[in-house]
Amino acid sequence: MEMIRITILYPASVGARFDMDYYLGVHAPRALSRLGGAVESFTVDVGIHAPPMSEPLFVAAGHYLCASAEEFMAAYLPHAAELQADVANYTDIKPIIQVSEVRLVIPAQS
């Protein structure tokens, strides 16, 4: 079964504001309640440093797993203004949106 992932990336930059508690506790649950059954799952990556890099490239990334981009957009568009207005409550970062086809790679058995 093919799936689509909608990823919202929040690039790290000096002085940028991102309230992770608000994002995880308010914004993400609000978005999921509005999107309903169009979302199979939602995960969040929280950027951390990893040697040899001193800082993460992204503060956070939210990943919506969906059956199709069309199904996601049909659920999102009626709530777009509300959800976009809420972004200012947790960040001043301009997000980058990536839509990807998810491919499963199964490791070879030894």
PDB file of N, CA and C in Angstrom:
ATOM      1  N   MET A   1       0.845  -1.180   0.000  1.00  0.00           N
ATOM      2  CA  MET A   1       0.000   0.000   0.000  1.00  0.00           C
ATOM      3  C   MET A   1       0.889   1.242   0.000  1.00  0.00           C
ATOM      4  N   GLU A   2       0.744   2.082  -1.008  1.00  0.00           N
ATOM      5  CA  GLU A   2       1.520   3.316  -1.079  1.00  0.00           C
ATOM      6  C   GLU A   2       0.982   4.331  -0.089  1.00  0.00           C
ATOM      7  N   MET A   3       1.892   5.071   0.510  1.00  0.00           N
ATOM      8  CA  MET A   3       1.520   6.117   1.454  1.00  0.00           C
ATOM      9  C   MET A   3       2.257   7.397   1.068  1.00  0.00           C
ATOM     10  N   ILE A   4       1.721   8.503   1.546  1.00  0.00           N
ATOM     11  CA  ILE A   4       2.318   9.815   1.328  1.00  0.00           C
ATOM     12  C   ILE A   4       2.681  10.389   2.693  1.00  0.00           C
ATOM     13  N   ARG A   5       3.840  11.039   2.758  1.00  0.00           N
ATOM     14  CA  ARG A   5       4.234  11.722   3.988  1.00  0.00           C
ATOM     15  C   ARG A   5       4.310  13.217   3.695  1.00  0.00           C
ATOM     16  N   ILE A   6       3.585  13.999   4.492  1.00  0.00           N
ATOM     17  CA  ILE A   6       3.674  15.455   4.439  1.00  0.00           C
ATOM     18  C   ILE A   6       4.564  15.847   5.611  1.00  0.00           C
ATOM     19  N   THR A   7       5.707  16.441   5.302  1.00  0.00           N
ATOM     20  CA  THR A   7       6.671  16.829   6.326  1.00  0.00           C
ATOM     21  C   THR A   7       6.729  18.341   6.411  1.00  0.00           C
ATOM     22  N   ILE A   8       6.630  18.851   7.635  1.00  0.00           N
ATOM     23  CA  ILE A   8       6.758  20.280   7.899  1.00  0.00           C
ATOM     24  C   ILE A   8       8.087  20.452   8.624  1.00  0.00           C
ATOM     25  N   LEU A   9       9.052  21.082   7.956  1.00  0.00           N
ATOM     26  CA  LEU A   9      10.393  21.279   8.508  1.00  0.00           C
ATOM     27  C   LEU A   9      10.536  22.695   9.039  1.00  0.00           C
ATOM     28  N   TYR A  10      11.146  22.826  10.196  1.00  0.00           N
ATOM     29  CA  TYR A  10      11.388  24.130  10.814  1.00  0.00           C
ATOM     30  C   TYR A  10      12.899  24.329  10.907  1.00  0.00           C
ATOM     31  N   PRO A  11      13.502  25.045   9.937  1.00  0.00           N
ATOM     32  CA  PRO A  11      14.953  25.229   9.923  1.00  0.00           C
ATOM     33  C   PRO A  11      15.448  25.991  11.156  1.00  0.00           C
ATOM     34  N   ALA A  12      16.584  25.553  11.676  1.00  0.00           N
ATOM     35  CA  ALA A  12      17.211  26.239  12.806  1.00  0.00           C
ATOM     36  C   ALA A  12      17.911  27.497  12.299  1.00  0.00           C
ATOM     37  N   SER A  13      17.838  28.563  13.073  1.00  0.00           N
ATOM     38  CA  SER A  13      18.593  29.779  12.783  1.00  0.00           C
ATOM     39  C   SER A  13      18.799  30.536  14.089  1.00  0.00           C
ATOM     40  N   VAL A  14      19.859  31.316  14.126  1.00  0.00           N
ATOM     41  CA  VAL A  14      20.201  32.067  15.332  1.00  0.00           C
ATOM     42  C   VAL A  14      19.053  33.010  15.689  1.00  0.00           C
ATOM     43  N   GLY A  15      18.618  32.942  16.927  1.00  0.00           N
ATOM     44  CA  GLY A  15      17.571  33.833  17.416  1.00  0.00           C
ATOM     45  C   GLY A  15      16.153  33.406  17.098  1.00  0.00           C
ATOM     46  N   ALA A  16      15.991  32.291  16.380  1.00  0.00           N
ATOM     47  CA  ALA A  16      14.641  31.831  16.033  1.00  0.00           C
ATOM     48  C   ALA A  16      13.927  31.341  17.292  1.00  0.00           C
ATOM     49  N   ARG A  17      12.610  31.516  17.296  1.00  0.00           N
ATOM     50  CA  ARG A  17      11.782  31.100  18.427  1.00  0.00           C
ATOM     51  C   ARG A  17      10.959  29.877  18.034  1.00  0.00           C
ATOM     52  N   PHE A  18      10.976  28.848  18.881  1.00  0.00           N
ATOM     53  CA  PHE A  18      10.145  27.666  18.679  1.00  0.00           C
ATOM     54  C   PHE A  18       9.761  27.130  20.047  1.00  0.00           C
ATOM     55  N   ASP A  19       8.481  27.169  20.368  1.00  0.00           N
ATOM     56  CA  ASP A  19       7.967  26.703  21.657  1.00  0.00           C
ATOM     57  C   ASP A  19       7.510  25.248  21.488  1.00  0.00           C
ATOM     58  N   MET A  20       8.411  24.322  21.815  1.00  0.00           N
ATOM     59  CA  MET A  20       8.130  22.902  21.611  1.00  0.00           C
ATOM     60  C   MET A  20       6.959  22.433  22.468  1.00  0.00           C
ATOM     61  N   ASP A  21       6.842  22.953  23.691  1.00  0.00           N
ATOM     62  CA  ASP A  21       5.727  22.552  24.555  1.00  0.00           C
ATOM     63  C   ASP A  21       4.388  22.912  23.920  1.00  0.00           C
ATOM     64  N   TYR A  22       4.295  24.117  23.346  1.00  0.00           N
ATOM     65  CA  TYR A  22       3.052  24.535  22.688  1.00  0.00           C
ATOM     66  C   TYR A  22       2.805  23.668  21.447  1.00  0.00           C
ATOM     67  N   TYR A  23       3.857  23.442  20.669  1.00  0.00           N
ATOM     68  CA  TYR A  23       3.724  22.650  19.442  1.00  0.00           C
ATOM     69  C   TYR A  23       3.195  21.248  19.758  1.00  0.00           C
ATOM     70  N   LEU A  24       3.811  20.590  20.759  1.00  0.00           N
ATOM     71  CA  LEU A  24       3.414  19.221  21.100  1.00  0.00           C
ATOM     72  C   LEU A  24       2.110  19.152  21.884  1.00  0.00           C
ATOM     73  N   GLY A  25       1.866  20.142  22.729  1.00  0.00           N
ATOM     74  CA  GLY A  25       0.719  20.087  23.617  1.00  0.00           C
ATOM     75  C   GLY A  25      -0.548  20.731  23.101  1.00  0.00           C
ATOM     76  N   VAL A  26      -0.401  21.674  22.154  1.00  0.00           N
ATOM     77  CA  VAL A  26      -1.571  22.410  21.661  1.00  0.00           C
ATOM     78  C   VAL A  26      -1.718  22.296  20.141  1.00  0.00           C
ATOM     79  N   HIS A  27      -0.693  22.736  19.408  1.00  0.00           N
ATOM     80  CA  HIS A  27      -0.839  22.811  17.945  1.00  0.00           C
ATOM     81  C   HIS A  27      -1.019  21.434  17.300  1.00  0.00           C
ATOM     82  N   ALA A  28      -0.129  20.498  17.611  1.00  0.00           N
ATOM     83  CA  ALA A  28      -0.223  19.176  16.976  1.00  0.00           C
ATOM     84  C   ALA A  28      -1.546  18.480  17.303  1.00  0.00           C
ATOM     85  N   PRO A  29      -1.986  18.452  18.572  1.00  0.00           N
ATOM     86  CA  PRO A  29      -3.294  17.840  18.847  1.00  0.00           C
ATOM     87  C   PRO A  29      -4.445  18.550  18.131  1.00  0.00           C
ATOM     88  N   ARG A  30      -4.371  19.877  18.030  1.00  0.00           N
ATOM     89  CA  ARG A  30      -5.411  20.634  17.317  1.00  0.00           C
ATOM     90  C   ARG A  30      -5.431  20.228  15.842  1.00  0.00           C
ATOM     91  N   ALA A  31      -4.256  20.182  15.225  1.00  0.00           N
ATOM     92  CA  ALA A  31      -4.181  19.808  13.811  1.00  0.00           C
ATOM     93  C   ALA A  31      -4.731  18.400  13.597  1.00  0.00           C
ATOM     94  N   LEU A  32      -4.338  17.469  14.454  1.00  0.00           N
ATOM     95  CA  LEU A  32      -4.809  16.091  14.303  1.00  0.00           C
ATOM     96  C   LEU A  32      -6.314  15.982  14.485  1.00  0.00           C
ATOM     97  N   SER A  33      -6.873  16.753  15.397  1.00  0.00           N
ATOM     98  CA  SER A  33      -8.330  16.693  15.586  1.00  0.00           C
ATOM     99  C   SER A  33      -9.063  17.246  14.373  1.00  0.00           C
ATOM    100  N   ARG A  34      -8.486  18.248  13.710  1.00  0.00           N
ATOM    101  CA  ARG A  34      -9.117  18.825  12.519  1.00  0.00           C
ATOM    102  C   ARG A  34      -8.957  17.908  11.308  1.00  0.00           C
ATOM    103  N   LEU A  35      -7.827  17.229  11.210  1.00  0.00           N
ATOM    104  CA  LEU A  35      -7.544  16.399  10.036  1.00  0.00           C
ATOM    105  C   LEU A  35      -8.218  15.033  10.099  1.00  0.00           C
ATOM    106  N   GLY A  36      -8.572  14.599  11.290  1.00  0.00           N
ATOM    107  CA  GLY A  36      -9.336  13.362  11.454  1.00  0.00           C
ATOM    108  C   GLY A  36      -8.705  12.156  10.796  1.00  0.00           C
ATOM    109  N   GLY A  37      -9.530  11.385  10.114  1.00  0.00           N
ATOM    110  CA  GLY A  37      -9.112  10.135   9.504  1.00  0.00           C
ATOM    111  C   GLY A  37      -8.196  10.267   8.309  1.00  0.00           C
ATOM    112  N   ALA A  38      -7.917  11.498   7.860  1.00  0.00           N
ATOM    113  CA  ALA A  38      -7.002  11.681   6.733  1.00  0.00           C
ATOM    114  C   ALA A  38      -5.559  11.376   7.123  1.00  0.00           C
ATOM    115  N   VAL A  39      -5.282  11.320   8.424  1.00  0.00           N
ATOM    116  CA  VAL A  39      -3.921  11.079   8.908  1.00  0.00           C
ATOM    117  C   VAL A  39      -3.845   9.690   9.538  1.00  0.00           C
ATOM    118  N   GLU A  40      -2.954   8.863   9.005  1.00  0.00           N
ATOM    119  CA  GLU A  40      -2.733   7.519   9.558  1.00  0.00           C
ATOM    120  C   GLU A  40      -1.899   7.597  10.838  1.00  0.00           C
ATOM    121  N   SER A  41      -0.880   8.460  10.807  1.00  0.00           N
ATOM    122  CA  SER A  41      -0.038   8.654  11.984  1.00  0.00           C
ATOM    123  C   SER A  41       0.652  10.006  11.879  1.00  0.00           C
ATOM    124  N   PHE A  42       1.146  10.481  13.022  1.00  0.00           N
ATOM    125  CA  PHE A  42       1.868  11.750  13.076  1.00  0.00           C
ATOM    126  C   PHE A  42       3.034  11.574  14.036  1.00  0.00           C
ATOM    127  N   THR A  43       4.221  11.939  13.581  1.00  0.00           N
ATOM    128  CA  THR A  43       5.401  11.883  14.439  1.00  0.00           C
ATOM    129  C   THR A  43       6.120  13.217  14.378  1.00  0.00           C
ATOM    130  N   VAL A  44       6.895  13.490  15.419  1.00  0.00           N
ATOM    131  CA  VAL A  44       7.668  14.727  15.491  1.00  0.00           C
ATOM    132  C   VAL A  44       9.125  14.373  15.736  1.00  0.00           C
ATOM    133  N   ASP A  45      10.002  14.970  14.946  1.00  0.00           N
ATOM    134  CA  ASP A  45      11.440  14.893  15.192  1.00  0.00           C
ATOM    135  C   ASP A  45      11.847  16.178  15.893  1.00  0.00           C
ATOM    136  N   VAL A  46      12.586  16.062  16.987  1.00  0.00           N
ATOM    137  CA  VAL A  46      13.125  17.217  17.691  1.00  0.00           C
ATOM    138  C   VAL A  46      14.617  17.241  17.404  1.00  0.00           C
ATOM    139  N   GLY A  47      15.080  18.325  16.765  1.00  0.00           N
ATOM    140  CA  GLY A  47      16.487  18.418  16.385  1.00  0.00           C
ATOM    141  C   GLY A  47      17.406  18.455  17.592  1.00  0.00           C
ATOM    142  N   ILE A  48      18.451  17.637  17.553  1.00  0.00           N
ATOM    143  CA  ILE A  48      19.501  17.662  18.575  1.00  0.00           C
ATOM    144  C   ILE A  48      20.836  17.720  17.854  1.00  0.00           C
ATOM    145  N   HIS A  49      21.848  18.126  18.558  1.00  0.00           N
ATOM    146  CA  HIS A  49      23.155  18.169  17.906  1.00  0.00           C
ATOM    147  C   HIS A  49      23.729  16.761  17.849  1.00  0.00           C
ATOM    148  N   ALA A  50      24.567  16.562  16.874  1.00  0.00           N
ATOM    149  CA  ALA A  50      25.230  15.273  16.734  1.00  0.00           C
ATOM    150  C   ALA A  50      26.622  15.522  16.171  1.00  0.00           C
ATOM    151  N   PRO A  51      27.654  15.033  16.839  1.00  0.00           N
ATOM    152  CA  PRO A  51      29.013  15.242  16.338  1.00  0.00           C
ATOM    153  C   PRO A  51      29.114  14.727  14.909  1.00  0.00           C
ATOM    154  N   PRO A  52      29.796  15.375  14.012  1.00  0.00           N
ATOM    155  CA  PRO A  52      30.647  16.534  14.254  1.00  0.00           C
ATOM    156  C   PRO A  52      29.899  17.870  14.180  1.00  0.00           C
ATOM    157  N   MET A  53      28.606  17.868  13.927  1.00  0.00           N
ATOM    158  CA  MET A  53      27.847  19.117  13.854  1.00  0.00           C
ATOM    159  C   MET A  53      27.596  19.620  15.265  1.00  0.00           C
ATOM    160  N   SER A  54      27.661  20.942  15.438  1.00  0.00           N
ATOM    161  CA  SER A  54      27.427  21.481  16.770  1.00  0.00           C
ATOM    162  C   SER A  54      25.956  21.822  16.988  1.00  0.00           C
ATOM    163  N   GLU A  55      25.235  22.114  15.936  1.00  0.00           N
ATOM    164  CA  GLU A  55      23.825  22.491  16.041  1.00  0.00           C
ATOM    165  C   GLU A  55      23.009  21.718  15.003  1.00  0.00           C
ATOM    166  N   PRO A  56      21.749  21.433  15.292  1.00  0.00           N
ATOM    167  CA  PRO A  56      20.908  20.747  14.297  1.00  0.00           C
ATOM    168  C   PRO A  56      20.557  21.684  13.142  1.00  0.00           C
ATOM    169  N   LEU A  57      20.310  21.129  11.990  1.00  0.00           N
ATOM    170  CA  LEU A  57      19.869  21.926  10.839  1.00  0.00           C
ATOM    171  C   LEU A  57      18.411  22.325  10.978  1.00  0.00           C
ATOM    172  N   PHE A  58      17.637  21.510  11.699  1.00  0.00           N
ATOM    173  CA  PHE A  58      16.215  21.782  11.894  1.00  0.00           C
ATOM    174  C   PHE A  58      15.886  21.717  13.379  1.00  0.00           C
ATOM    175  N   VAL A  59      15.074  22.668  13.839  1.00  0.00           N
ATOM    176  CA  VAL A  59      14.599  22.668  15.221  1.00  0.00           C
ATOM    177  C   VAL A  59      13.642  21.496  15.417  1.00  0.00           C
ATOM    178  N   ALA A  60      12.780  21.291  14.423  1.00  0.00           N
ATOM    179  CA  ALA A  60      11.774  20.234  14.511  1.00  0.00           C
ATOM    180  C   ALA A  60      11.279  19.891  13.119  1.00  0.00           C
ATOM    181  N   ALA A  61      10.648  18.729  13.036  1.00  0.00           N
ATOM    182  CA  ALA A  61       9.972  18.308  11.813  1.00  0.00           C
ATOM    183  C   ALA A  61       8.742  17.511  12.224  1.00  0.00           C
ATOM    184  N   GLY A  62       7.603  17.852  11.652  1.00  0.00           N
ATOM    185  CA  GLY A  62       6.375  17.105  11.876  1.00  0.00           C
ATOM    186  C   GLY A  62       6.070  16.280  10.641  1.00  0.00           C
ATOM    187  N   HIS A  63       5.712  15.021  10.830  1.00  0.00           N
ATOM    188  CA  HIS A  63       5.485  14.100   9.709  1.00  0.00           C
ATOM    189  C   HIS A  63       4.077  13.516   9.774  1.00  0.00           C
ATOM    190  N   TYR A  64       3.249  13.854   8.800  1.00  0.00           N
ATOM    191  CA  TYR A  64       1.905  13.293   8.675  1.00  0.00           C
ATOM    192  C   TYR A  64       1.959  12.163   7.660  1.00  0.00           C
ATOM    193  N   LEU A  65       1.570  10.966   8.051  1.00  0.00           N
ATOM    194  CA  LEU A  65       1.499   9.833   7.136  1.00  0.00           C
ATOM    195  C   LEU A  65       0.051   9.688   6.685  1.00  0.00           C
ATOM    196  N   CYS A  66      -0.165   9.703   5.371  1.00  0.00           N
ATOM    197  CA  CYS A  66      -1.520   9.737   4.806  1.00  0.00           C
ATOM    198  C   CYS A  66      -1.628   8.786   3.617  1.00  0.00           C
ATOM    199  N   ALA A  67      -2.849   8.419   3.300  1.00  0.00           N
ATOM    200  CA  ALA A  67      -3.092   7.560   2.142  1.00  0.00           C
ATOM    201  C   ALA A  67      -2.799   8.298   0.839  1.00  0.00           C
ATOM    202  N   SER A  68      -3.122   9.602   0.792  1.00  0.00           N
ATOM    203  CA  SER A  68      -2.868  10.384  -0.419  1.00  0.00           C
ATOM    204  C   SER A  68      -2.790  11.863  -0.071  1.00  0.00           C
ATOM    205  N   ALA A  69      -2.088  12.609  -0.902  1.00  0.00           N
ATOM    206  CA  ALA A  69      -2.001  14.061  -0.716  1.00  0.00           C
ATOM    207  C   ALA A  69      -3.376  14.692  -0.902  1.00  0.00           C
ATOM    208  N   GLU A  70      -4.170  14.138  -1.812  1.00  0.00           N
ATOM    209  CA  GLU A  70      -5.512  14.677  -2.065  1.00  0.00           C
ATOM    210  C   GLU A  70      -6.407  14.530  -0.832  1.00  0.00           C
ATOM    211  N   GLU A  71      -6.329  13.376  -0.185  1.00  0.00           N
ATOM    212  CA  GLU A  71      -7.125  13.141   1.021  1.00  0.00           C
ATOM    213  C   GLU A  71      -6.684  14.090   2.144  1.00  0.00           C
ATOM    214  N   PHE A  72      -5.379  14.273   2.279  1.00  0.00           N
ATOM    215  CA  PHE A  72      -4.865  15.198   3.290  1.00  0.00           C
ATOM    216  C   PHE A  72      -5.365  16.614   3.022  1.00  0.00           C
ATOM    217  N   MET A  73      -5.242  17.074   1.776  1.00  0.00           N
ATOM    218  CA  MET A  73      -5.642  18.445   1.442  1.00  0.00           C
ATOM    219  C   MET A  73      -7.143  18.652   1.619  1.00  0.00           C
ATOM    220  N   ALA A  74      -7.941  17.647   1.297  1.00  0.00           N
ATOM    221  CA  ALA A  74      -9.394  17.759   1.485  1.00  0.00           C
ATOM    222  C   ALA A  74      -9.732  17.961   2.961  1.00  0.00           C
ATOM    223  N   ALA A  75      -8.973  17.327   3.849  1.00  0.00           N
ATOM    224  CA  ALA A  75      -9.200  17.493   5.288  1.00  0.00           C
ATOM    225  C   ALA A  75      -8.587  18.790   5.806  1.00  0.00           C
ATOM    226  N   TYR A  76      -7.457  19.202   5.223  1.00  0.00           N
ATOM    227  CA  TYR A  76      -6.721  20.373   5.710  1.00  0.00           C
ATOM    228  C   TYR A  76      -7.349  21.702   5.294  1.00  0.00           C
ATOM    229  N   LEU A  77      -7.747  21.822   4.050  1.00  0.00           N
ATOM    230  CA  LEU A  77      -8.187  23.122   3.518  1.00  0.00           C
ATOM    231  C   LEU A  77      -9.307  23.790   4.313  1.00  0.00           C
ATOM    232  N   PRO A  78     -10.322  23.074   4.798  1.00  0.00           N
ATOM    233  CA  PRO A  78     -11.356  23.749   5.587  1.00  0.00           C
ATOM    234  C   PRO A  78     -10.831  24.367   6.894  1.00  0.00           C
ATOM    235  N   HIS A  79      -9.660  23.927   7.353  1.00  0.00           N
ATOM    236  CA  HIS A  79      -9.088  24.393   8.622  1.00  0.00           C
ATOM    237  C   HIS A  79      -7.774  25.145   8.421  1.00  0.00           C
ATOM    238  N   ALA A  80      -7.397  25.382   7.170  1.00  0.00           N
ATOM    239  CA  ALA A  80      -6.093  25.978   6.868  1.00  0.00           C
ATOM    240  C   ALA A  80      -5.889  27.318   7.559  1.00  0.00           C
ATOM    241  N   ALA A  81      -6.857  28.209   7.498  1.00  0.00           N
ATOM    242  CA  ALA A  81      -6.690  29.542   8.096  1.00  0.00           C
ATOM    243  C   ALA A  81      -6.460  29.439   9.602  1.00  0.00           C
ATOM    244  N   GLU A  82      -7.242  28.606  10.273  1.00  0.00           N
ATOM    245  CA  GLU A  82      -7.093  28.431  11.722  1.00  0.00           C
ATOM    246  C   GLU A  82      -5.719  27.865  12.077  1.00  0.00           C
ATOM    247  N   LEU A  83      -5.296  26.813  11.382  1.00  0.00           N
ATOM    248  CA  LEU A  83      -4.025  26.169  11.703  1.00  0.00           C
ATOM    249  C   LEU A  83      -2.840  27.058  11.350  1.00  0.00           C
ATOM    250  N   GLN A  84      -2.914  27.762  10.232  1.00  0.00           N
ATOM    251  CA  GLN A  84      -1.825  28.663   9.860  1.00  0.00           C
ATOM    252  C   GLN A  84      -1.723  29.832  10.823  1.00  0.00           C
ATOM    253  N   ALA A  85      -2.852  30.357  11.298  1.00  0.00           N
ATOM    254  CA  ALA A  85      -2.829  31.463  12.260  1.00  0.00           C
ATOM    255  C   ALA A  85      -2.206  31.019  13.581  1.00  0.00           C
ATOM    256  N   ASP A  86      -2.352  29.758  13.929  1.00  0.00           N
ATOM    257  CA  ASP A  86      -1.814  29.248  15.190  1.00  0.00           C
ATOM    258  C   ASP A  86      -0.292  29.129  15.172  1.00  0.00           C
ATOM    259  N   VAL A  87       0.310  29.070  14.001  1.00  0.00           N
ATOM    260  CA  VAL A  87       1.764  28.920  13.897  1.00  0.00           C
ATOM    261  C   VAL A  87       2.489  30.024  14.665  1.00  0.00           C
ATOM    262  N   ALA A  88       1.989  31.247  14.597  1.00  0.00           N
ATOM    263  CA  ALA A  88       2.629  32.378  15.292  1.00  0.00           C
ATOM    264  C   ALA A  88       2.659  32.182  16.802  1.00  0.00           C
ATOM    265  N   ASN A  89       1.823  31.308  17.334  1.00  0.00           N
ATOM    266  CA  ASN A  89       1.819  31.050  18.774  1.00  0.00           C
ATOM    267  C   ASN A  89       2.999  30.199  19.233  1.00  0.00           C
ATOM    268  N   TYR A  90       3.664  29.500  18.297  1.00  0.00           N
ATOM    269  CA  TYR A  90       4.788  28.661  18.721  1.00  0.00           C
ATOM    270  C   TYR A  90       6.097  28.927  17.995  1.00  0.00           C
ATOM    271  N   THR A  91       6.066  29.667  16.877  1.00  0.00           N
ATOM    272  CA  THR A  91       7.333  29.905  16.186  1.00  0.00           C
ATOM    273  C   THR A  91       7.286  31.140  15.306  1.00  0.00           C
ATOM    274  N   ASP A  92       8.477  31.664  15.028  1.00  0.00           N
ATOM    275  CA  ASP A  92       8.628  32.721  14.035  1.00  0.00           C
ATOM    276  C   ASP A  92       9.402  32.198  12.822  1.00  0.00           C
ATOM    277  N   ILE A  93       9.589  30.889  12.768  1.00  0.00           N
ATOM    278  CA  ILE A  93      10.302  30.238  11.664  1.00  0.00           C
ATOM    279  C   ILE A  93       9.340  29.991  10.510  1.00  0.00           C
ATOM    280  N   LYS A  94       9.785  30.304   9.294  1.00  0.00           N
ATOM    281  CA  LYS A  94       8.988  29.991   8.100  1.00  0.00           C
ATOM    282  C   LYS A  94       9.218  28.515   7.768  1.00  0.00           C
ATOM    283  N   PRO A  95       8.176  27.684   7.877  1.00  0.00           N
ATOM    284  CA  PRO A  95       8.371  26.252   7.648  1.00  0.00           C
ATOM    285  C   PRO A  95       8.563  25.917   6.169  1.00  0.00           C
ATOM    286  N   ILE A  96       9.220  24.804   5.954  1.00  0.00           N
ATOM    287  CA  ILE A  96       9.398  24.225   4.619  1.00  0.00           C
ATOM    288  C   ILE A  96       8.509  22.988   4.574  1.00  0.00           C
ATOM    289  N   ILE A  97       7.731  22.853   3.505  1.00  0.00           N
ATOM    290  CA  ILE A  97       6.817  21.713   3.385  1.00  0.00           C
ATOM    291  C   ILE A  97       7.311  20.787   2.279  1.00  0.00           C
ATOM    292  N   GLN A  98       7.415  19.516   2.609  1.00  0.00           N
ATOM    293  CA  GLN A  98       7.854  18.491   1.663  1.00  0.00           C
ATOM    294  C   GLN A  98       6.784  17.411   1.599  1.00  0.00           C
ATOM    295  N   VAL A  99       6.358  17.056   0.394  1.00  0.00           N
ATOM    296  CA  VAL A  99       5.431  15.937   0.197  1.00  0.00           C
ATOM    297  C   VAL A  99       6.233  14.811  -0.448  1.00  0.00           C
ATOM    298  N   SER A 100       6.195  13.640   0.172  1.00  0.00           N
ATOM    299  CA  SER A 100       7.010  12.518  -0.286  1.00  0.00           C
ATOM    300  C   SER A 100       6.177  11.258  -0.422  1.00  0.00           C
ATOM    301  N   GLU A 101       6.567  10.431  -1.367  1.00  0.00           N
ATOM    302  CA  GLU A 101       6.007   9.086  -1.459  1.00  0.00           C
ATOM    303  C   GLU A 101       6.838   8.202  -0.546  1.00  0.00           C
ATOM    304  N   VAL A 102       6.186   7.427   0.302  1.00  0.00           N
ATOM    305  CA  VAL A 102       6.891   6.570   1.253  1.00  0.00           C
ATOM    306  C   VAL A 102       7.147   5.221   0.600  1.00  0.00           C
ATOM    307  N   ARG A 103       8.384   4.795   0.631  1.00  0.00           N
ATOM    308  CA  ARG A 103       8.768   3.483   0.104  1.00  0.00           C
ATOM    309  C   ARG A 103       9.309   2.639   1.242  1.00  0.00           C
ATOM    310  N   LEU A 104       8.899   1.425   1.317  1.00  0.00           N
ATOM    311  CA  LEU A 104       9.346   0.514   2.360  1.00  0.00           C
ATOM    312  C   LEU A 104      10.500  -0.330   1.839  1.00  0.00           C
ATOM    313  N   VAL A 105      11.574  -0.360   2.594  1.00  0.00           N
ATOM    314  CA  VAL A 105      12.722  -1.204   2.278  1.00  0.00           C
ATOM    315  C   VAL A 105      12.861  -2.203   3.418  1.00  0.00           C
ATOM    316  N   ILE A 106      12.767  -3.463   3.085  1.00  0.00           N
ATOM    317  CA  ILE A 106      12.850  -4.516   4.096  1.00  0.00           C
ATOM    318  C   ILE A 106      14.277  -5.056   4.106  1.00  0.00           C
ATOM    319  N   PRO A 107      14.917  -5.042   5.275  1.00  0.00           N
ATOM    320  CA  PRO A 107      16.293  -5.547   5.348  1.00  0.00           C
ATOM    321  C   PRO A 107      16.370  -7.023   4.962  1.00  0.00           C
ATOM    322  N   ALA A 108      17.465  -7.376   4.317  1.00  0.00           N
ATOM    323  CA  ALA A 108      17.687  -8.776   3.954  1.00  0.00           C
ATOM    324  C   ALA A 108      17.907  -9.591   5.219  1.00  0.00           C
ATOM    325  N   GLN A 109      17.365 -10.782   5.235  1.00  0.00           N
ATOM    326  CA  GLN A 109      17.544 -11.682   6.376  1.00  0.00           C
ATOM    327  C   GLN A 109      18.852 -12.438   6.207  1.00  0.00           C
ATOM    328  N   SER A 110      19.606 -12.574   7.299  1.00  0.00           N
ATOM    329  CA  SER A 110      20.879 -13.305   7.194  1.00  0.00           C
ATOM    330  C   SER A 110      20.746 -14.728   7.647  1.00  0.00           C
TER     331      SER A 110
END
